[in-house]
Amino acid sequence: MYEHKSKPLLPRRKFYQRIALNAGVVVGIVAFSLFMGSAGYHYLAGLPWIDALLNASMILTGMGPVDPVKTTAAKLFATFYALYSGIAFLTMMAILMAPLLHRFLHKFHLEMSEG
């Protein structure tokens, strides 16, 4: 996916395209996560769709739940959704940072080999 260290640095335009592609992947992960969380809160906790979306987005961003859940199934869902959200956040940050970190290391390596 990324150029080898022996290849020249990617042109700026292609680098921005790479960042946009990775941002699109992150948007897809966010959309899937919100859909999954909203459906879980709606069907398992009995929340209206707008409240389910609010709860899912608050958990996904790490802010915490808004509405308390009462049933065992809803509590189990909320537990696993919170764990999933933490992993999803780390994954999204890795996807967003990968092109930047790669470019920095690639440029650093090119400068080291020239000197």
N, C-alpha and C. Protein backbone atom coordinates (compact mmCIF):
# COMPACT_ATOMS: atom_id res chain seq x y z
N MET A 1 0.83 -1.19 0.00
CA MET A 1 0.00 0.00 0.00
C MET A 1 0.87 1.26 0.00
N TYR A 2 1.94 1.24 0.77
CA TYR A 2 2.83 2.40 0.83
C TYR A 2 4.11 2.09 0.06
N GLU A 3 4.76 3.15 -0.41
CA GLU A 3 5.98 2.97 -1.19
C GLU A 3 7.12 2.48 -0.30
N HIS A 4 7.99 1.70 -0.91
CA HIS A 4 9.15 1.15 -0.21
C HIS A 4 10.13 2.27 0.12
N LYS A 5 10.96 2.03 1.11
CA LYS A 5 11.91 3.07 1.53
C LYS A 5 12.93 3.44 0.45
N SER A 6 13.13 2.54 -0.51
CA SER A 6 14.08 2.84 -1.59
C SER A 6 13.43 3.67 -2.71
N LYS A 7 12.11 3.81 -2.70
CA LYS A 7 11.40 4.59 -3.71
C LYS A 7 11.39 6.07 -3.32
N PRO A 8 11.20 6.95 -4.30
CA PRO A 8 11.13 8.39 -3.96
C PRO A 8 9.87 8.71 -3.16
N LEU A 9 9.92 9.86 -2.51
CA LEU A 9 8.79 10.34 -1.71
C LEU A 9 7.58 10.56 -2.63
N LEU A 10 6.43 10.18 -2.16
CA LEU A 10 5.19 10.33 -2.93
C LEU A 10 4.91 11.82 -3.19
N PRO A 11 4.50 12.18 -4.41
CA PRO A 11 4.16 13.60 -4.66
C PRO A 11 3.04 14.07 -3.72
N ARG A 12 3.05 15.35 -3.43
CA ARG A 12 2.10 15.91 -2.47
C ARG A 12 0.65 15.63 -2.85
N ARG A 13 0.31 15.73 -4.12
CA ARG A 13 -1.07 15.50 -4.56
C ARG A 13 -1.51 14.05 -4.26
N LYS A 14 -0.66 13.10 -4.55
CA LYS A 14 -0.98 11.69 -4.27
C LYS A 14 -1.03 11.43 -2.76
N PHE A 15 -0.17 12.14 -2.03
CA PHE A 15 -0.19 12.01 -0.57
C PHE A 15 -1.52 12.50 -0.01
N TYR A 16 -2.03 13.62 -0.51
CA TYR A 16 -3.34 14.12 -0.07
C TYR A 16 -4.46 13.16 -0.46
N GLN A 17 -4.34 12.54 -1.62
CA GLN A 17 -5.32 11.53 -2.02
C GLN A 17 -5.30 10.34 -1.06
N ARG A 18 -4.11 9.96 -0.63
CA ARG A 18 -3.98 8.85 0.32
C ARG A 18 -4.65 9.22 1.65
N ILE A 19 -4.44 10.45 2.10
CA ILE A 19 -5.07 10.90 3.34
C ILE A 19 -6.59 10.90 3.19
N ALA A 20 -7.08 11.38 2.04
CA ALA A 20 -8.53 11.41 1.79
C ALA A 20 -9.11 9.99 1.78
N LEU A 21 -8.40 9.05 1.17
CA LEU A 21 -8.86 7.66 1.15
C LEU A 21 -8.95 7.09 2.57
N ASN A 22 -7.91 7.34 3.36
CA ASN A 22 -7.94 6.85 4.74
C ASN A 22 -9.05 7.53 5.55
N ALA A 23 -9.27 8.81 5.32
CA ALA A 23 -10.36 9.51 6.01
C ALA A 23 -11.71 8.92 5.61
N GLY A 24 -11.85 8.54 4.33
CA GLY A 24 -13.08 7.89 3.88
C GLY A 24 -13.31 6.55 4.58
N VAL A 25 -12.25 5.81 4.79
CA VAL A 25 -12.36 4.54 5.52
C VAL A 25 -12.83 4.80 6.95
N VAL A 26 -12.28 5.84 7.56
CA VAL A 26 -12.67 6.18 8.93
C VAL A 26 -14.14 6.61 8.99
N VAL A 27 -14.59 7.38 8.01
CA VAL A 27 -16.00 7.77 7.96
C VAL A 27 -16.89 6.52 7.85
N GLY A 28 -16.45 5.56 7.06
CA GLY A 28 -17.20 4.30 6.95
C GLY A 28 -17.27 3.55 8.27
N ILE A 29 -16.16 3.53 9.00
CA ILE A 29 -16.15 2.86 10.31
C ILE A 29 -17.08 3.58 11.28
N VAL A 30 -17.07 4.91 11.25
CA VAL A 30 -17.95 5.69 12.13
C VAL A 30 -19.41 5.41 11.78
N ALA A 31 -19.74 5.43 10.49
CA ALA A 31 -21.13 5.19 10.07
C ALA A 31 -21.59 3.79 10.49
N PHE A 32 -20.75 2.78 10.25
CA PHE A 32 -21.10 1.42 10.64
C PHE A 32 -21.27 1.32 12.15
N SER A 33 -20.36 1.94 12.90
CA SER A 33 -20.41 1.88 14.36
C SER A 33 -21.65 2.57 14.91
N LEU A 34 -22.00 3.72 14.34
CA LEU A 34 -23.22 4.41 14.79
C LEU A 34 -24.47 3.61 14.46
N PHE A 35 -24.49 3.00 13.28
CA PHE A 35 -25.64 2.18 12.91
C PHE A 35 -25.77 1.00 13.86
N MET A 36 -24.66 0.30 14.10
CA MET A 36 -24.68 -0.86 14.98
C MET A 36 -25.11 -0.45 16.39
N GLY A 37 -24.54 0.64 16.90
CA GLY A 37 -24.88 1.09 18.25
C GLY A 37 -26.32 1.56 18.36
N SER A 38 -26.78 2.30 17.36
CA SER A 38 -28.17 2.79 17.37
C SER A 38 -29.15 1.62 17.33
N ALA A 39 -28.88 0.65 16.48
CA ALA A 39 -29.77 -0.52 16.38
C ALA A 39 -29.79 -1.29 17.70
N GLY A 40 -28.63 -1.46 18.31
CA GLY A 40 -28.57 -2.17 19.59
C GLY A 40 -29.35 -1.46 20.68
N TYR A 41 -29.13 -0.17 20.79
CA TYR A 41 -29.86 0.59 21.82
C TYR A 41 -31.36 0.65 21.52
N HIS A 42 -31.72 0.69 20.26
CA HIS A 42 -33.14 0.74 19.91
C HIS A 42 -33.83 -0.58 20.21
N TYR A 43 -33.24 -1.67 19.73
CA TYR A 43 -33.91 -2.97 19.86
C TYR A 43 -33.70 -3.63 21.22
N LEU A 44 -32.56 -3.44 21.84
CA LEU A 44 -32.31 -4.11 23.12
C LEU A 44 -32.66 -3.26 24.33
N ALA A 45 -32.49 -1.96 24.22
CA ALA A 45 -32.79 -1.08 25.36
C ALA A 45 -34.15 -0.41 25.21
N GLY A 46 -34.78 -0.55 24.03
CA GLY A 46 -36.10 0.03 23.82
C GLY A 46 -36.10 1.55 23.69
N LEU A 47 -34.98 2.13 23.32
CA LEU A 47 -34.92 3.58 23.17
C LEU A 47 -35.45 4.00 21.80
N PRO A 48 -36.08 5.17 21.70
CA PRO A 48 -36.45 5.69 20.37
C PRO A 48 -35.17 5.90 19.54
N TRP A 49 -35.32 5.89 18.21
CA TRP A 49 -34.16 5.95 17.33
C TRP A 49 -33.25 7.14 17.62
N ILE A 50 -33.81 8.31 17.87
CA ILE A 50 -32.98 9.49 18.10
C ILE A 50 -32.20 9.37 19.40
N ASP A 51 -32.82 8.81 20.44
CA ASP A 51 -32.12 8.59 21.70
C ASP A 51 -31.08 7.49 21.58
N ALA A 52 -31.40 6.47 20.78
CA ALA A 52 -30.45 5.39 20.54
C ALA A 52 -29.21 5.94 19.81
N LEU A 53 -29.44 6.80 18.82
CA LEU A 53 -28.32 7.43 18.10
C LEU A 53 -27.49 8.30 19.05
N LEU A 54 -28.16 9.06 19.91
CA LEU A 54 -27.45 9.89 20.88
C LEU A 54 -26.59 9.04 21.80
N ASN A 55 -27.15 7.96 22.33
CA ASN A 55 -26.38 7.09 23.22
C ASN A 55 -25.20 6.46 22.48
N ALA A 56 -25.44 5.99 21.27
CA ALA A 56 -24.37 5.36 20.49
C ALA A 56 -23.25 6.35 20.20
N SER A 57 -23.61 7.57 19.82
CA SER A 57 -22.58 8.56 19.51
C SER A 57 -21.82 8.99 20.76
N MET A 58 -22.49 9.09 21.87
CA MET A 58 -21.82 9.47 23.11
C MET A 58 -20.84 8.38 23.56
N ILE A 59 -21.23 7.13 23.42
CA ILE A 59 -20.33 6.02 23.78
C ILE A 59 -19.17 5.98 22.80
N LEU A 60 -19.45 6.12 21.51
CA LEU A 60 -18.42 6.04 20.49
C LEU A 60 -17.36 7.13 20.66
N THR A 61 -17.76 8.30 21.13
CA THR A 61 -16.79 9.38 21.32
C THR A 61 -16.15 9.37 22.70
N GLY A 62 -16.56 8.44 23.54
CA GLY A 62 -15.95 8.32 24.86
C GLY A 62 -16.56 9.21 25.92
N MET A 63 -17.72 9.82 25.63
CA MET A 63 -18.34 10.74 26.58
C MET A 63 -19.15 10.01 27.65
N GLY A 64 -19.62 8.82 27.33
CA GLY A 64 -20.42 8.06 28.29
C GLY A 64 -21.88 8.04 27.89
N PRO A 65 -22.64 7.14 28.49
CA PRO A 65 -24.05 6.99 28.13
C PRO A 65 -24.91 8.15 28.63
N VAL A 66 -26.02 8.35 27.92
CA VAL A 66 -26.97 9.39 28.30
C VAL A 66 -28.13 8.77 29.07
N ASP A 67 -28.72 7.73 28.48
CA ASP A 67 -29.86 7.06 29.10
C ASP A 67 -29.42 5.77 29.78
N PRO A 68 -29.89 5.53 31.01
CA PRO A 68 -29.54 4.27 31.66
C PRO A 68 -30.28 3.10 30.99
N VAL A 69 -29.63 1.96 30.96
CA VAL A 69 -30.27 0.76 30.41
C VAL A 69 -30.72 -0.12 31.56
N LYS A 70 -31.82 -0.84 31.36
CA LYS A 70 -32.42 -1.56 32.47
C LYS A 70 -32.37 -3.08 32.34
N THR A 71 -32.46 -3.59 31.13
CA THR A 71 -32.50 -5.04 30.96
C THR A 71 -31.08 -5.62 30.91
N THR A 72 -31.00 -6.91 31.20
CA THR A 72 -29.70 -7.59 31.15
C THR A 72 -29.13 -7.58 29.74
N ALA A 73 -29.97 -7.82 28.74
CA ALA A 73 -29.50 -7.82 27.35
C ALA A 73 -28.95 -6.45 26.96
N ALA A 74 -29.64 -5.39 27.38
CA ALA A 74 -29.19 -4.04 27.06
C ALA A 74 -27.88 -3.72 27.78
N LYS A 75 -27.75 -4.17 29.01
CA LYS A 75 -26.51 -3.93 29.75
C LYS A 75 -25.34 -4.68 29.12
N LEU A 76 -25.58 -5.91 28.68
CA LEU A 76 -24.52 -6.66 28.00
C LEU A 76 -24.15 -5.98 26.68
N PHE A 77 -25.16 -5.53 25.93
CA PHE A 77 -24.87 -4.82 24.68
C PHE A 77 -24.05 -3.57 24.96
N ALA A 78 -24.47 -2.78 25.95
CA ALA A 78 -23.76 -1.54 26.27
C ALA A 78 -22.31 -1.82 26.68
N THR A 79 -22.09 -2.90 27.41
CA THR A 79 -20.74 -3.29 27.81
C THR A 79 -19.88 -3.59 26.60
N PHE A 80 -20.38 -4.45 25.70
CA PHE A 80 -19.58 -4.83 24.54
C PHE A 80 -19.46 -3.70 23.52
N TYR A 81 -20.47 -2.86 23.43
CA TYR A 81 -20.38 -1.72 22.53
C TYR A 81 -19.34 -0.72 23.02
N ALA A 82 -19.26 -0.53 24.33
CA ALA A 82 -18.24 0.37 24.89
C ALA A 82 -16.84 -0.19 24.63
N LEU A 83 -16.66 -1.49 24.81
CA LEU A 83 -15.36 -2.11 24.51
C LEU A 83 -15.04 -1.99 23.03
N TYR A 84 -16.02 -2.27 22.19
CA TYR A 84 -15.83 -2.12 20.74
C TYR A 84 -15.46 -0.69 20.39
N SER A 85 -16.12 0.28 21.01
CA SER A 85 -15.87 1.69 20.70
C SER A 85 -14.44 2.09 21.01
N GLY A 86 -13.89 1.59 22.10
CA GLY A 86 -12.50 1.88 22.43
C GLY A 86 -11.55 1.34 21.39
N ILE A 87 -11.79 0.11 20.96
CA ILE A 87 -10.95 -0.50 19.93
C ILE A 87 -11.14 0.21 18.60
N ALA A 88 -12.38 0.57 18.28
CA ALA A 88 -12.66 1.28 17.03
C ALA A 88 -11.96 2.64 17.01
N PHE A 89 -11.95 3.33 18.14
CA PHE A 89 -11.28 4.62 18.21
C PHE A 89 -9.78 4.48 17.93
N LEU A 90 -9.15 3.50 18.56
CA LEU A 90 -7.72 3.28 18.33
C LEU A 90 -7.45 2.91 16.87
N THR A 91 -8.33 2.11 16.30
CA THR A 91 -8.18 1.72 14.90
C THR A 91 -8.32 2.93 13.99
N MET A 92 -9.30 3.76 14.24
CA MET A 92 -9.50 4.95 13.42
C MET A 92 -8.32 5.90 13.51
N MET A 93 -7.76 6.06 14.69
CA MET A 93 -6.59 6.93 14.83
C MET A 93 -5.40 6.35 14.08
N ALA A 94 -5.23 5.04 14.13
CA ALA A 94 -4.13 4.41 13.40
C ALA A 94 -4.30 4.60 11.90
N ILE A 95 -5.51 4.45 11.41
CA ILE A 95 -5.78 4.62 9.97
C ILE A 95 -5.51 6.05 9.54
N LEU A 96 -5.91 7.01 10.36
CA LEU A 96 -5.69 8.42 10.03
C LEU A 96 -4.22 8.82 10.12
N MET A 97 -3.52 8.27 11.08
CA MET A 97 -2.13 8.67 11.30
C MET A 97 -1.13 7.91 10.42
N ALA A 98 -1.51 6.77 9.88
CA ALA A 98 -0.58 5.94 9.11
C ALA A 98 0.09 6.69 7.95
N PRO A 99 -0.66 7.40 7.10
CA PRO A 99 0.02 8.11 6.00
C PRO A 99 0.98 9.19 6.49
N LEU A 100 0.61 9.89 7.55
CA LEU A 100 1.47 10.95 8.08
C LEU A 100 2.76 10.37 8.67
N LEU A 101 2.60 9.34 9.47
CA LEU A 101 3.77 8.72 10.07
C LEU A 101 4.66 8.09 9.01
N HIS A 102 4.05 7.43 8.02
CA HIS A 102 4.84 6.83 6.95
C HIS A 102 5.62 7.89 6.19
N ARG A 103 4.97 8.99 5.86
CA ARG A 103 5.66 10.05 5.10
C ARG A 103 6.82 10.63 5.92
N PHE A 104 6.57 10.86 7.21
CA PHE A 104 7.63 11.39 8.07
C PHE A 104 8.82 10.44 8.11
N LEU A 105 8.56 9.15 8.34
CA LEU A 105 9.65 8.18 8.42
C LEU A 105 10.34 8.00 7.07
N HIS A 106 9.56 8.01 6.00
CA HIS A 106 10.13 7.88 4.66
C HIS A 106 11.05 9.07 4.35
N LYS A 107 10.59 10.27 4.64
CA LYS A 107 11.40 11.47 4.39
C LYS A 107 12.66 11.45 5.25
N PHE A 108 12.50 11.04 6.50
CA PHE A 108 13.64 10.95 7.42
C PHE A 108 14.66 9.94 6.88
N HIS A 109 14.18 8.82 6.39
CA HIS A 109 15.07 7.79 5.85
C HIS A 109 15.79 8.30 4.59
N LEU A 110 15.07 9.01 3.73
CA LEU A 110 15.70 9.55 2.52
C LEU A 110 16.79 10.55 2.88
N GLU A 111 16.53 11.39 3.86
CA GLU A 111 17.53 12.37 4.30
C GLU A 111 18.74 11.68 4.91
N MET A 112 18.52 10.60 5.64
CA MET A 112 19.63 9.86 6.26
C MET A 112 20.50 9.19 5.19
N SER A 113 19.88 8.66 4.15
CA SER A 113 20.63 7.95 3.12
C SER A 113 21.37 8.91 2.18
N GLU A 114 20.89 10.15 2.07
CA GLU A 114 21.56 11.14 1.23
C GLU A 114 22.80 11.72 1.91
N GLY A 115 22.76 11.77 3.22
CA GLY A 115 23.82 12.45 3.96
C GLY A 115 24.99 11.63 4.31
